[in-house]
Amino acid sequence: KKGKPILKFVCLNVLPDDISLQFLKNILDKDPLCSYILIFHYNPLDSNLLDENTKDKLLKTIAGFHIVAIISGHYQSSAVLSWKGYPVILSGGDKLALCDYDHNSNTIQVEFK
């Protein structure tokens, strides 16, 4: 018998939109004690791509759940940012990222090479 997963990756298309946010909400509501890493193609914090209303919808959708990190590519940058307390890992630059998840503290450490 397999145990419940402690970490799930949720791939959410290009950017948050009503369809992907509903998909995410359904997943989070189904297993609220699990930890999650969210993946988008574009950086969901980029003001040129996403308006504040949609960012607020994303924040409301993930509030109260164990979101370990948000990962995106495409941004031509390698960095770890923070958004409302959530780490945002940009992995589209000239560096490779090793992400080390600690399930005891529910945190992620990122090392760029």
N, C-alpha and C. Protein backbone atom coordinates (compact mmCIF):
# COMPACT_ATOMS: atom_id res chain seq x y z
N LYS A 1 0.85 -1.18 0.00
CA LYS A 1 0.00 0.00 0.00
C LYS A 1 0.89 1.24 0.00
N LYS A 2 0.64 2.11 -0.94
CA LYS A 2 1.42 3.34 -1.03
C LYS A 2 0.89 4.38 -0.05
N GLY A 3 1.83 5.18 0.50
CA GLY A 3 1.44 6.28 1.36
C GLY A 3 1.01 7.49 0.54
N LYS A 4 0.42 8.44 1.20
CA LYS A 4 0.02 9.67 0.51
C LYS A 4 1.25 10.48 0.14
N PRO A 5 1.22 11.11 -1.02
CA PRO A 5 2.36 11.95 -1.38
C PRO A 5 2.45 13.17 -0.45
N ILE A 6 3.68 13.57 -0.16
CA ILE A 6 3.84 14.74 0.70
C ILE A 6 4.09 16.00 -0.12
N LEU A 7 4.39 15.81 -1.42
CA LEU A 7 4.66 16.95 -2.29
C LEU A 7 4.11 16.67 -3.67
N LYS A 8 3.33 17.60 -4.18
CA LYS A 8 2.78 17.47 -5.53
C LYS A 8 3.21 18.67 -6.37
N PHE A 9 3.49 18.41 -7.64
CA PHE A 9 3.80 19.45 -8.61
C PHE A 9 2.55 19.68 -9.45
N VAL A 10 2.15 20.94 -9.61
CA VAL A 10 0.97 21.27 -10.39
C VAL A 10 1.39 22.20 -11.52
N CYS A 11 1.31 21.70 -12.76
CA CYS A 11 1.68 22.49 -13.94
C CYS A 11 0.43 23.23 -14.42
N LEU A 12 0.54 24.56 -14.50
CA LEU A 12 -0.64 25.40 -14.68
C LEU A 12 -0.61 26.27 -15.93
N ASN A 13 -0.04 25.75 -16.99
CA ASN A 13 -0.12 26.43 -18.28
C ASN A 13 0.79 27.65 -18.31
N VAL A 14 0.44 28.60 -19.14
CA VAL A 14 1.29 29.75 -19.41
C VAL A 14 1.27 30.76 -18.26
N LEU A 15 0.09 31.17 -17.86
CA LEU A 15 -0.12 32.13 -16.76
C LEU A 15 -1.41 31.76 -16.03
N PRO A 16 -1.59 32.24 -14.82
CA PRO A 16 -2.86 32.00 -14.14
C PRO A 16 -4.02 32.62 -14.93
N ASP A 17 -5.07 31.85 -15.10
CA ASP A 17 -6.31 32.36 -15.68
C ASP A 17 -7.46 31.64 -14.96
N ASP A 18 -8.68 31.94 -15.32
CA ASP A 18 -9.82 31.36 -14.60
C ASP A 18 -9.82 29.83 -14.67
N ILE A 19 -9.45 29.27 -15.82
CA ILE A 19 -9.46 27.82 -15.98
C ILE A 19 -8.38 27.17 -15.11
N SER A 20 -7.15 27.70 -15.17
CA SER A 20 -6.07 27.09 -14.38
C SER A 20 -6.28 27.31 -12.88
N LEU A 21 -6.84 28.45 -12.50
CA LEU A 21 -7.09 28.69 -11.08
C LEU A 21 -8.19 27.78 -10.53
N GLN A 22 -9.20 27.48 -11.32
CA GLN A 22 -10.23 26.54 -10.89
C GLN A 22 -9.65 25.14 -10.77
N PHE A 23 -8.83 24.76 -11.75
CA PHE A 23 -8.14 23.47 -11.71
C PHE A 23 -7.31 23.35 -10.43
N LEU A 24 -6.54 24.40 -10.13
CA LEU A 24 -5.72 24.42 -8.93
C LEU A 24 -6.57 24.35 -7.67
N LYS A 25 -7.64 25.13 -7.61
CA LYS A 25 -8.51 25.12 -6.44
C LYS A 25 -9.07 23.72 -6.18
N ASN A 26 -9.48 23.04 -7.24
CA ASN A 26 -10.00 21.68 -7.08
C ASN A 26 -8.95 20.75 -6.49
N ILE A 27 -7.72 20.87 -6.95
CA ILE A 27 -6.63 20.02 -6.45
C ILE A 27 -6.34 20.34 -4.99
N LEU A 28 -6.22 21.62 -4.66
CA LEU A 28 -5.92 22.02 -3.29
C LEU A 28 -7.02 21.59 -2.32
N ASP A 29 -8.27 21.78 -2.73
CA ASP A 29 -9.40 21.40 -1.87
C ASP A 29 -9.47 19.88 -1.66
N LYS A 30 -9.05 19.12 -2.65
CA LYS A 30 -9.10 17.66 -2.56
C LYS A 30 -8.08 17.12 -1.56
N ASP A 31 -6.92 17.76 -1.47
CA ASP A 31 -5.86 17.29 -0.58
C ASP A 31 -5.19 18.49 0.12
N PRO A 32 -5.90 19.11 1.06
CA PRO A 32 -5.41 20.35 1.67
C PRO A 32 -4.19 20.20 2.57
N LEU A 33 -3.85 18.99 2.98
CA LEU A 33 -2.70 18.80 3.87
C LEU A 33 -1.40 18.54 3.11
N CYS A 34 -1.49 18.35 1.83
CA CYS A 34 -0.31 18.10 1.00
C CYS A 34 0.43 19.41 0.75
N SER A 35 1.70 19.32 0.39
CA SER A 35 2.49 20.48 -0.02
C SER A 35 2.55 20.51 -1.54
N TYR A 36 2.66 21.72 -2.10
CA TYR A 36 2.58 21.88 -3.55
C TYR A 36 3.67 22.79 -4.08
N ILE A 37 4.13 22.47 -5.28
CA ILE A 37 4.95 23.37 -6.07
C ILE A 37 4.16 23.67 -7.33
N LEU A 38 3.97 24.96 -7.61
CA LEU A 38 3.20 25.39 -8.77
C LEU A 38 4.16 25.77 -9.89
N ILE A 39 3.81 25.42 -11.12
CA ILE A 39 4.68 25.68 -12.26
C ILE A 39 3.89 26.41 -13.34
N PHE A 40 4.43 27.56 -13.78
CA PHE A 40 3.88 28.32 -14.90
C PHE A 40 4.99 28.52 -15.93
N HIS A 41 4.60 28.74 -17.17
CA HIS A 41 5.58 29.04 -18.20
C HIS A 41 6.17 30.44 -17.97
N TYR A 42 5.31 31.43 -17.82
CA TYR A 42 5.75 32.80 -17.58
C TYR A 42 5.73 33.10 -16.09
N ASN A 43 6.49 34.09 -15.69
CA ASN A 43 6.51 34.56 -14.31
C ASN A 43 5.16 35.19 -13.98
N PRO A 44 4.40 34.61 -13.08
CA PRO A 44 3.07 35.16 -12.78
C PRO A 44 3.10 36.49 -12.03
N LEU A 45 4.27 36.97 -11.67
CA LEU A 45 4.38 38.25 -10.98
C LEU A 45 4.65 39.41 -11.92
N ASP A 46 4.94 39.11 -13.17
CA ASP A 46 5.30 40.13 -14.15
C ASP A 46 4.09 41.02 -14.44
N SER A 47 4.20 42.29 -14.07
CA SER A 47 3.08 43.24 -14.25
C SER A 47 2.75 43.49 -15.71
N ASN A 48 3.69 43.25 -16.60
CA ASN A 48 3.42 43.42 -18.03
C ASN A 48 2.57 42.29 -18.58
N LEU A 49 2.52 41.16 -17.87
CA LEU A 49 1.79 40.00 -18.35
C LEU A 49 0.51 39.71 -17.57
N LEU A 50 0.47 40.14 -16.32
CA LEU A 50 -0.65 39.78 -15.46
C LEU A 50 -1.11 40.99 -14.66
N ASP A 51 -2.40 41.28 -14.69
CA ASP A 51 -2.91 42.43 -13.96
C ASP A 51 -3.08 42.09 -12.47
N GLU A 52 -3.23 43.12 -11.67
CA GLU A 52 -3.32 42.95 -10.21
C GLU A 52 -4.54 42.12 -9.81
N ASN A 53 -5.63 42.23 -10.54
CA ASN A 53 -6.83 41.47 -10.24
C ASN A 53 -6.56 39.96 -10.35
N THR A 54 -5.84 39.55 -11.39
CA THR A 54 -5.54 38.14 -11.57
C THR A 54 -4.53 37.66 -10.52
N LYS A 55 -3.57 38.51 -10.18
CA LYS A 55 -2.63 38.16 -9.11
C LYS A 55 -3.39 37.97 -7.79
N ASP A 56 -4.36 38.83 -7.53
CA ASP A 56 -5.19 38.69 -6.32
C ASP A 56 -5.97 37.39 -6.33
N LYS A 57 -6.49 37.00 -7.50
CA LYS A 57 -7.20 35.72 -7.61
C LYS A 57 -6.28 34.56 -7.30
N LEU A 58 -5.04 34.62 -7.82
CA LEU A 58 -4.06 33.56 -7.53
C LEU A 58 -3.78 33.51 -6.03
N LEU A 59 -3.55 34.66 -5.44
CA LEU A 59 -3.26 34.72 -4.00
C LEU A 59 -4.42 34.15 -3.18
N LYS A 60 -5.65 34.51 -3.52
CA LYS A 60 -6.81 33.99 -2.80
C LYS A 60 -6.95 32.48 -2.98
N THR A 61 -6.61 31.97 -4.15
CA THR A 61 -6.71 30.54 -4.41
C THR A 61 -5.73 29.75 -3.57
N ILE A 62 -4.51 30.27 -3.38
CA ILE A 62 -3.49 29.50 -2.66
C ILE A 62 -3.42 29.80 -1.16
N ALA A 63 -4.11 30.84 -0.72
CA ALA A 63 -4.06 31.23 0.70
C ALA A 63 -4.49 30.08 1.59
N GLY A 64 -3.69 29.82 2.61
CA GLY A 64 -4.02 28.79 3.59
C GLY A 64 -3.53 27.40 3.23
N PHE A 65 -2.95 27.23 2.05
CA PHE A 65 -2.44 25.93 1.63
C PHE A 65 -0.91 25.94 1.71
N HIS A 66 -0.33 24.77 1.66
CA HIS A 66 1.13 24.62 1.77
C HIS A 66 1.76 24.74 0.38
N ILE A 67 1.97 25.97 -0.05
CA ILE A 67 2.62 26.21 -1.33
C ILE A 67 4.11 26.41 -1.04
N VAL A 68 4.92 25.44 -1.46
CA VAL A 68 6.35 25.46 -1.19
C VAL A 68 7.05 26.48 -2.07
N ALA A 69 6.65 26.55 -3.35
CA ALA A 69 7.27 27.47 -4.29
C ALA A 69 6.43 27.58 -5.55
N ILE A 70 6.68 28.64 -6.28
CA ILE A 70 6.13 28.84 -7.62
C ILE A 70 7.34 28.88 -8.55
N ILE A 71 7.31 28.06 -9.59
CA ILE A 71 8.44 27.99 -10.53
C ILE A 71 7.98 28.47 -11.90
N SER A 72 8.80 29.27 -12.54
CA SER A 72 8.51 29.67 -13.92
C SER A 72 9.80 29.72 -14.73
N GLY A 73 9.64 29.64 -16.01
CA GLY A 73 10.78 29.74 -16.93
C GLY A 73 10.61 31.00 -17.75
N HIS A 74 11.11 30.99 -18.94
CA HIS A 74 10.94 32.00 -19.98
C HIS A 74 11.49 33.39 -19.66
N TYR A 75 11.67 33.73 -18.43
CA TYR A 75 11.94 35.11 -18.02
C TYR A 75 13.36 35.58 -18.33
N GLN A 76 14.21 34.71 -18.87
CA GLN A 76 15.60 35.06 -19.20
C GLN A 76 16.37 35.49 -17.97
N SER A 77 16.02 34.90 -16.84
CA SER A 77 16.67 35.24 -15.59
C SER A 77 16.66 34.02 -14.68
N SER A 78 17.69 33.90 -13.85
CA SER A 78 17.75 32.84 -12.85
C SER A 78 17.85 33.51 -11.48
N ALA A 79 16.79 33.36 -10.68
CA ALA A 79 16.76 34.03 -9.38
C ALA A 79 15.65 33.43 -8.53
N VAL A 80 15.71 33.74 -7.26
CA VAL A 80 14.61 33.41 -6.35
C VAL A 80 14.06 34.73 -5.83
N LEU A 81 12.79 34.97 -6.09
CA LEU A 81 12.10 36.16 -5.61
C LEU A 81 11.13 35.74 -4.52
N SER A 82 10.57 36.69 -3.85
CA SER A 82 9.54 36.41 -2.86
C SER A 82 8.30 37.21 -3.21
N TRP A 83 7.15 36.55 -3.16
CA TRP A 83 5.88 37.22 -3.43
C TRP A 83 4.90 36.82 -2.34
N LYS A 84 4.53 37.78 -1.51
CA LYS A 84 3.56 37.56 -0.43
C LYS A 84 3.96 36.37 0.45
N GLY A 85 5.29 36.19 0.61
CA GLY A 85 5.79 35.10 1.44
C GLY A 85 6.04 33.79 0.70
N TYR A 86 5.70 33.73 -0.56
CA TYR A 86 5.93 32.53 -1.37
C TYR A 86 7.20 32.70 -2.20
N PRO A 87 8.11 31.72 -2.16
CA PRO A 87 9.28 31.81 -3.04
C PRO A 87 8.87 31.61 -4.50
N VAL A 88 9.42 32.44 -5.37
CA VAL A 88 9.18 32.33 -6.81
C VAL A 88 10.53 32.08 -7.45
N ILE A 89 10.67 30.90 -8.03
CA ILE A 89 11.94 30.49 -8.62
C ILE A 89 11.88 30.74 -10.12
N LEU A 90 12.74 31.64 -10.59
CA LEU A 90 12.85 31.91 -12.02
C LEU A 90 13.97 31.05 -12.55
N SER A 91 13.64 30.19 -13.50
CA SER A 91 14.63 29.22 -13.96
C SER A 91 14.85 29.29 -15.47
N GLY A 92 14.65 30.46 -16.04
CA GLY A 92 14.78 30.59 -17.48
C GLY A 92 16.03 31.33 -17.92
N GLY A 93 16.97 31.52 -17.02
CA GLY A 93 18.17 32.28 -17.35
C GLY A 93 19.33 31.40 -17.75
N ASP A 94 20.52 31.90 -17.55
CA ASP A 94 21.71 31.21 -17.99
C ASP A 94 22.26 30.23 -16.95
N LYS A 95 21.55 30.05 -15.85
CA LYS A 95 22.00 29.14 -14.81
C LYS A 95 21.01 27.99 -14.65
N LEU A 96 21.52 26.88 -14.18
CA LEU A 96 20.70 25.71 -13.87
C LEU A 96 20.37 25.73 -12.38
N ALA A 97 19.20 25.26 -12.03
CA ALA A 97 18.76 25.32 -10.63
C ALA A 97 18.60 23.92 -10.05
N LEU A 98 19.19 23.72 -8.88
CA LEU A 98 18.95 22.52 -8.09
C LEU A 98 18.08 22.95 -6.92
N CYS A 99 16.89 22.38 -6.82
CA CYS A 99 15.94 22.72 -5.76
C CYS A 99 15.89 21.56 -4.77
N ASP A 100 16.18 21.85 -3.52
CA ASP A 100 16.22 20.84 -2.47
C ASP A 100 15.07 21.10 -1.50
N TYR A 101 14.11 20.17 -1.47
CA TYR A 101 12.92 20.31 -0.62
C TYR A 101 13.14 19.61 0.71
N ASP A 102 12.88 20.31 1.80
CA ASP A 102 12.95 19.74 3.14
C ASP A 102 11.52 19.56 3.64
N HIS A 103 11.08 18.31 3.71
CA HIS A 103 9.69 18.05 4.10
C HIS A 103 9.44 18.33 5.58
N ASN A 104 10.47 18.33 6.39
CA ASN A 104 10.28 18.63 7.81
C ASN A 104 9.92 20.09 8.05
N SER A 105 10.57 20.98 7.30
CA SER A 105 10.30 22.40 7.47
C SER A 105 9.39 22.96 6.37
N ASN A 106 9.07 22.10 5.38
CA ASN A 106 8.24 22.50 4.24
C ASN A 106 8.83 23.71 3.52
N THR A 107 10.15 23.66 3.33
CA THR A 107 10.85 24.75 2.65
C THR A 107 11.67 24.20 1.49
N ILE A 108 12.09 25.09 0.64
CA ILE A 108 12.91 24.72 -0.49
C ILE A 108 14.15 25.62 -0.54
N GLN A 109 15.29 25.00 -0.79
CA GLN A 109 16.53 25.74 -0.98
C GLN A 109 16.92 25.62 -2.44
N VAL A 110 17.38 26.70 -3.02
CA VAL A 110 17.72 26.70 -4.45
C VAL A 110 19.18 27.05 -4.60
N GLU A 111 19.87 26.24 -5.38
CA GLU A 111 21.28 26.49 -5.69
C GLU A 111 21.39 26.62 -7.21
N PHE A 112 21.92 27.74 -7.66
CA PHE A 112 22.11 27.96 -9.09
C PHE A 112 23.54 27.64 -9.47
N LYS A 113 23.71 26.99 -10.59
CA LYS A 113 25.05 26.65 -11.12
C LYS A 113 25.17 27.12 -12.54
